[in-house]
C-alpha atoms as a PDB file:
ATOM      1  CA  MET A   1      -9.966  28.881 -57.001  1.00  0.00           C
ATOM      2  CA  GLN A   2      -7.413  28.278 -53.996  1.00  0.00           C
ATOM      3  CA  ALA A   3      -7.533  29.113 -50.924  1.00  0.00           C
ATOM      4  CA  SER A   4      -5.998  27.670 -47.380  1.00  0.00           C
ATOM      5  CA  VAL A   5      -7.620  25.583 -44.196  1.00  0.00           C
ATOM      6  CA  HIS A   6      -8.842  27.715 -41.515  1.00  0.00           C
ATOM      7  CA  THR A   7     -10.318  25.018 -39.497  1.00  0.00           C
ATOM      8  CA  TYR A   8     -10.305  21.451 -40.226  1.00  0.00           C
ATOM      9  CA  ASP A   9     -12.229  18.669 -37.339  1.00  0.00           C
ATOM     10  CA  LEU A  10     -10.757  15.836 -38.515  1.00  0.00           C
ATOM     11  CA  ASP A  11     -13.716  14.028 -36.605  1.00  0.00           C
ATOM     12  CA  ALA A  12     -16.206  15.775 -38.644  1.00  0.00           C
ATOM     13  CA  ARG A  13     -14.375  16.132 -41.702  1.00  0.00           C
ATOM     14  CA  THR A  14     -15.459  19.551 -41.767  1.00  0.00           C
ATOM     15  CA  GLY A  15     -13.934  23.056 -41.252  1.00  0.00           C
ATOM     16  CA  GLU A  16     -12.933  26.512 -43.033  1.00  0.00           C
ATOM     17  CA  VAL A  17     -10.970  27.625 -45.541  1.00  0.00           C
ATOM     18  CA  LEU A  18      -9.927  31.141 -45.863  1.00  0.00           C
ATOM     19  CA  LEU A  19      -9.503  32.901 -49.599  1.00  0.00           C
ATOM     20  CA  ASP A  20      -6.653  35.498 -50.551  1.00  0.00           C
ATOM     21  CA  THR A  21      -9.413  37.971 -50.107  1.00  0.00           C
ATOM     22  CA  GLY A  22      -9.650  37.131 -46.391  1.00  0.00           C
ATOM     23  CA  ARG A  23     -13.490  35.707 -46.858  1.00  0.00           C
ATOM     24  CA  VAL A  24     -13.641  32.330 -44.855  1.00  0.00           C
ATOM     25  CA  LEU A  25     -15.854  29.612 -46.355  1.00  0.00           C
ATOM     26  CA  PRO A  26     -17.319  26.398 -44.492  1.00  0.00           C
ATOM     27  CA  PHE A  27     -16.976  23.368 -46.048  1.00  0.00           C
ATOM     28  CA  PRO A  28     -18.985  20.198 -45.261  1.00  0.00           C
ATOM     29  CA  ALA A  29     -17.809  16.847 -44.820  1.00  0.00           C
ATOM     30  CA  ALA A  30     -19.063  15.843 -48.441  1.00  0.00           C
ATOM     31  CA  ALA A  31     -16.625  18.770 -49.788  1.00  0.00           C
ATOM     32  CA  VAL A  32     -13.564  16.202 -48.343  1.00  0.00           C
ATOM     33  CA  GLU A  33     -14.717  12.997 -49.255  1.00  0.00           C
ATOM     34  CA  ALA A  34     -15.910  14.460 -53.181  1.00  0.00           C
ATOM     35  CA  SER A  35     -11.852  14.141 -53.492  1.00  0.00           C
ATOM     36  CA  GLY A  36     -11.213  11.179 -51.266  1.00  0.00           C
ATOM     37  CA  LEU A  37      -8.434  13.083 -49.291  1.00  0.00           C
ATOM     38  CA  ARG A  38      -8.215  11.574 -45.672  1.00  0.00           C
ATOM     39  CA  HIS A  39      -6.822  14.157 -43.792  1.00  0.00           C
ATOM     40  CA  LEU A  40      -6.426  18.237 -44.146  1.00  0.00           C
ATOM     41  CA  ARG A  41      -4.264  20.272 -41.327  1.00  0.00           C
ATOM     42  CA  VAL A  42      -4.431  23.846 -40.627  1.00  0.00           C
ATOM     43  CA  GLY A  43      -2.926  26.124 -42.883  1.00  0.00           C
ATOM     44  CA  GLN A  44      -2.334  23.747 -45.975  1.00  0.00           C
ATOM     45  CA  ARG A  45      -3.036  25.576 -49.863  1.00  0.00           C
ATOM     46  CA  VAL A  46      -6.082  23.385 -51.374  1.00  0.00           C
ATOM     47  CA  SER A  47      -7.766  24.217 -54.403  1.00  0.00           C
ATOM     48  CA  ILE A  48     -11.958  24.449 -54.087  1.00  0.00           C
ATOM     49  CA  GLU A  49     -15.259  24.914 -55.936  1.00  0.00           C
ATOM     50  CA  VAL A  50     -18.224  26.724 -54.553  1.00  0.00           C
ATOM     51  CA  ALA A  51     -21.264  24.647 -54.590  1.00  0.00           C
ATOM     52  CA  ASP A  52     -23.630  25.705 -57.759  1.00  0.00           C
ATOM     53  CA  GLY A  53     -20.935  27.717 -58.770  1.00  0.00           C
ATOM     54  CA  ALA A  54     -21.619  30.841 -56.861  1.00  0.00           C
ATOM     55  CA  ASP A  55     -19.659  33.844 -56.535  1.00  0.00           C
ATOM     56  CA  PRO A  56     -17.609  32.954 -53.401  1.00  0.00           C
ATOM     57  CA  GLU A  57     -17.719  36.478 -52.202  1.00  0.00           C
ATOM     58  CA  THR A  58     -21.633  35.933 -51.903  1.00  0.00           C
ATOM     59  CA  ALA A  59     -23.210  35.678 -48.115  1.00  0.00           C
ATOM     60  CA  GLY A  60     -24.239  31.861 -47.585  1.00  0.00           C
ATOM     61  CA  ALA A  61     -21.548  30.579 -49.793  1.00  0.00           C
ATOM     62  CA  THR A  62     -20.327  27.200 -49.219  1.00  0.00           C
ATOM     63  CA  VAL A  63     -17.353  24.836 -50.318  1.00  0.00           C
ATOM     64  CA  SER A  64     -18.725  21.392 -52.299  1.00  0.00           C
ATOM     65  CA  ARG A  65     -15.130  20.125 -53.227  1.00  0.00           C
ATOM     66  CA  VAL A  66     -11.603  20.849 -51.698  1.00  0.00           C
ATOM     67  CA  TRP A  67      -9.044  18.659 -52.868  1.00  0.00           C
ATOM     68  CA  ILE A  68      -5.359  19.262 -53.201  1.00  0.00           C
ATOM     69  CA  VAL A  69      -3.583  19.781 -57.087  1.00  0.00           C
ATOM     70  CA  GLY A  70      -1.780  16.343 -57.705  1.00  0.00           C
ATOM     71  CA  ILE A  71      -4.486  14.445 -55.446  1.00  0.00           C
ATOM     72  CA  GLY A  72      -7.580  13.900 -55.920  1.00  0.00           C
ATOM     73  CA  GLU A  73      -8.443  15.748 -58.982  1.00  0.00           C
ATOM     74  CA  GLY A  74     -11.866  14.219 -60.594  1.00  0.00           C
ATOM     75  CA  GLU A  75     -11.308  10.873 -59.322  1.00  0.00           C
ATOM     76  CA  THR A  76     -12.543   9.342 -55.779  1.00  0.00           C
ATOM     77  CA  ILE A  77      -9.317   7.816 -54.258  1.00  0.00           C
ATOM     78  CA  ALA A  78      -9.900   4.374 -52.697  1.00  0.00           C
END
């Protein structure tokens, strides 16, 4: 699923993504680290996975992985 970075705290490595439906989902630092990304910028298009395969439209849904297509797809970048 794709989304746009809505907020990003570089120090904490946490933030929120905005789905195309308008829903905002939070992501923890572990979601960025799972892809090996070092930085995100507000407005950037990213691909996401929702924790436990949950429906992203349900209350309490959170992002478990954030990556940029072509970068960090399936492997951790050192």
